[in-house]
Amino acid sequence: MRVAKDPSYFQLIVTDTRMPRLDGFGVVQEARSAGYQGKIIIFANSLSPEDRQRYRELRVDQVIDKPGKPASWWAPSAN
């Protein structure tokens, strides 16, 4: 992952929670372990309360439920 090589390269990471090779949890864990301090937004479908808590513990800035409303996509990145 590019962020592992240069954690300051990105200001924002937007990812899905379920992907074939590396899920959203893995992406966030790798980014945070590499020292990434930027914002992270997760798109998710049907997350359990435990999964939401896990993302909070990983310092995810926002979880947007699919299908999501476009206006809510930009709120966490405005700061």
C-alpha atoms as a PDB file:
ATOM      1  CA  MET A   1       0.000   0.000   0.000  1.00  0.00           C
ATOM      2  CA  ARG A   2       1.287   3.455  -0.895  1.00  0.00           C
ATOM      3  CA  VAL A   3       0.348   4.850   2.509  1.00  0.00           C
ATOM      4  CA  ALA A   4       2.684   2.353   4.190  1.00  0.00           C
ATOM      5  CA  LYS A   5       5.604   3.796   2.217  1.00  0.00           C
ATOM      6  CA  ASP A   6       4.696   7.452   2.742  1.00  0.00           C
ATOM      7  CA  PRO A   7       1.975   8.044   5.377  1.00  0.00           C
ATOM      8  CA  SER A   8       1.810  11.781   4.664  1.00  0.00           C
ATOM      9  CA  TYR A   9       1.141  11.334   0.921  1.00  0.00           C
ATOM     10  CA  PHE A  10      -2.654  11.141   1.351  1.00  0.00           C
ATOM     11  CA  GLN A  11      -4.895  13.579   3.225  1.00  0.00           C
ATOM     12  CA  LEU A  12      -7.962  11.343   3.018  1.00  0.00           C
ATOM     13  CA  ILE A  13      -8.596   7.620   2.623  1.00  0.00           C
ATOM     14  CA  VAL A  14     -12.021   6.461   1.458  1.00  0.00           C
ATOM     15  CA  THR A  15     -12.587   2.726   1.367  1.00  0.00           C
ATOM     16  CA  ASP A  16     -15.254   0.076   1.393  1.00  0.00           C
ATOM     17  CA  THR A  17     -15.453  -2.316   4.286  1.00  0.00           C
ATOM     18  CA  ARG A  18     -15.700  -5.529   2.253  1.00  0.00           C
ATOM     19  CA  MET A  19     -13.212  -6.096  -0.538  1.00  0.00           C
ATOM     20  CA  PRO A  20     -11.633  -9.229  -2.033  1.00  0.00           C
ATOM     21  CA  ARG A  21      -7.982  -9.017  -0.953  1.00  0.00           C
ATOM     22  CA  LEU A  22      -7.847  -6.616   1.966  1.00  0.00           C
ATOM     23  CA  ASP A  23     -10.968  -5.547   3.841  1.00  0.00           C
ATOM     24  CA  GLY A  24     -11.589  -2.098   5.275  1.00  0.00           C
ATOM     25  CA  PHE A  25     -10.298  -3.124   8.694  1.00  0.00           C
ATOM     26  CA  GLY A  26      -7.015  -4.239   7.130  1.00  0.00           C
ATOM     27  CA  VAL A  27      -6.667  -1.020   5.136  1.00  0.00           C
ATOM     28  CA  VAL A  28      -7.239   1.111   8.233  1.00  0.00           C
ATOM     29  CA  GLN A  29      -4.940  -0.999  10.410  1.00  0.00           C
ATOM     30  CA  GLU A  30      -2.117  -0.819   7.861  1.00  0.00           C
ATOM     31  CA  ALA A  31      -2.551   2.923   7.389  1.00  0.00           C
ATOM     32  CA  ARG A  32      -2.621   3.685  11.120  1.00  0.00           C
ATOM     33  CA  SER A  33       0.294   1.316  11.808  1.00  0.00           C
ATOM     34  CA  ALA A  34       2.324   3.162   9.170  1.00  0.00           C
ATOM     35  CA  GLY A  35       1.679   6.438  10.985  1.00  0.00           C
ATOM     36  CA  TYR A  36      -1.120   7.804   8.809  1.00  0.00           C
ATOM     37  CA  GLN A  37      -2.812  10.653  10.709  1.00  0.00           C
ATOM     38  CA  GLY A  38      -5.256  11.835   8.036  1.00  0.00           C
ATOM     39  CA  LYS A  39      -8.980  11.302   7.821  1.00  0.00           C
ATOM     40  CA  ILE A  40     -10.511   7.932   6.978  1.00  0.00           C
ATOM     41  CA  ILE A  41     -14.037   7.373   5.688  1.00  0.00           C
ATOM     42  CA  ILE A  42     -15.582   3.922   5.386  1.00  0.00           C
ATOM     43  CA  PHE A  43     -18.480   3.020   3.089  1.00  0.00           C
ATOM     44  CA  ALA A  44     -20.322   0.111   4.618  1.00  0.00           C
ATOM     45  CA  ASN A  45     -23.384  -2.008   4.221  1.00  0.00           C
ATOM     46  CA  SER A  46     -24.983  -3.622   7.268  1.00  0.00           C
ATOM     47  CA  LEU A  47     -22.228  -3.203   9.849  1.00  0.00           C
ATOM     48  CA  SER A  48     -22.785  -4.779  13.222  1.00  0.00           C
ATOM     49  CA  PRO A  49     -22.453  -2.653  16.369  1.00  0.00           C
ATOM     50  CA  GLU A  50     -19.216  -4.549  17.075  1.00  0.00           C
ATOM     51  CA  ASP A  51     -17.790  -3.613  13.664  1.00  0.00           C
ATOM     52  CA  ARG A  52     -18.726   0.042  14.208  1.00  0.00           C
ATOM     53  CA  GLN A  53     -16.973  -0.045  17.578  1.00  0.00           C
ATOM     54  CA  ARG A  54     -13.897  -1.613  15.989  1.00  0.00           C
ATOM     55  CA  TYR A  55     -13.753   1.209  13.437  1.00  0.00           C
ATOM     56  CA  ARG A  56     -14.059   3.775  16.249  1.00  0.00           C
ATOM     57  CA  GLU A  57     -11.131   2.113  18.013  1.00  0.00           C
ATOM     58  CA  LEU A  58      -9.134   2.380  14.782  1.00  0.00           C
ATOM     59  CA  ARG A  59      -9.869   6.141  14.731  1.00  0.00           C
ATOM     60  CA  VAL A  60     -12.045   6.124  11.606  1.00  0.00           C
ATOM     61  CA  ASP A  61     -13.518   9.579  11.119  1.00  0.00           C
ATOM     62  CA  GLN A  62     -16.829   8.494   9.650  1.00  0.00           C
ATOM     63  CA  VAL A  63     -18.737   5.409   8.561  1.00  0.00           C
ATOM     64  CA  ILE A  64     -21.233   6.107   5.774  1.00  0.00           C
ATOM     65  CA  ASP A  65     -23.940   3.537   5.332  1.00  0.00           C
ATOM     66  CA  LYS A  66     -24.610   2.441   1.769  1.00  0.00           C
ATOM     67  CA  PRO A  67     -26.156   3.611  -0.374  1.00  0.00           C
ATOM     68  CA  GLY A  68     -25.461   6.885   1.467  1.00  0.00           C
ATOM     69  CA  LYS A  69     -26.451  10.414   0.628  1.00  0.00           C
ATOM     70  CA  PRO A  70     -23.883  12.435  -1.353  1.00  0.00           C
ATOM     71  CA  ALA A  71     -24.154  15.452   0.985  1.00  0.00           C
ATOM     72  CA  SER A  72     -22.964  13.288   3.904  1.00  0.00           C
ATOM     73  CA  TRP A  73     -19.858  12.188   1.995  1.00  0.00           C
ATOM     74  CA  TRP A  74     -18.153  15.571   2.257  1.00  0.00           C
ATOM     75  CA  ALA A  75     -18.963  16.604   5.823  1.00  0.00           C
ATOM     76  CA  PRO A  76     -15.974  14.875   7.502  1.00  0.00           C
ATOM     77  CA  SER A  77     -13.488  16.075   4.877  1.00  0.00           C
ATOM     78  CA  ALA A  78     -14.449  19.736   5.178  1.00  0.00           C
ATOM     79  CA  ASN A  79     -12.168  20.384   8.161  1.00  0.00           C
END
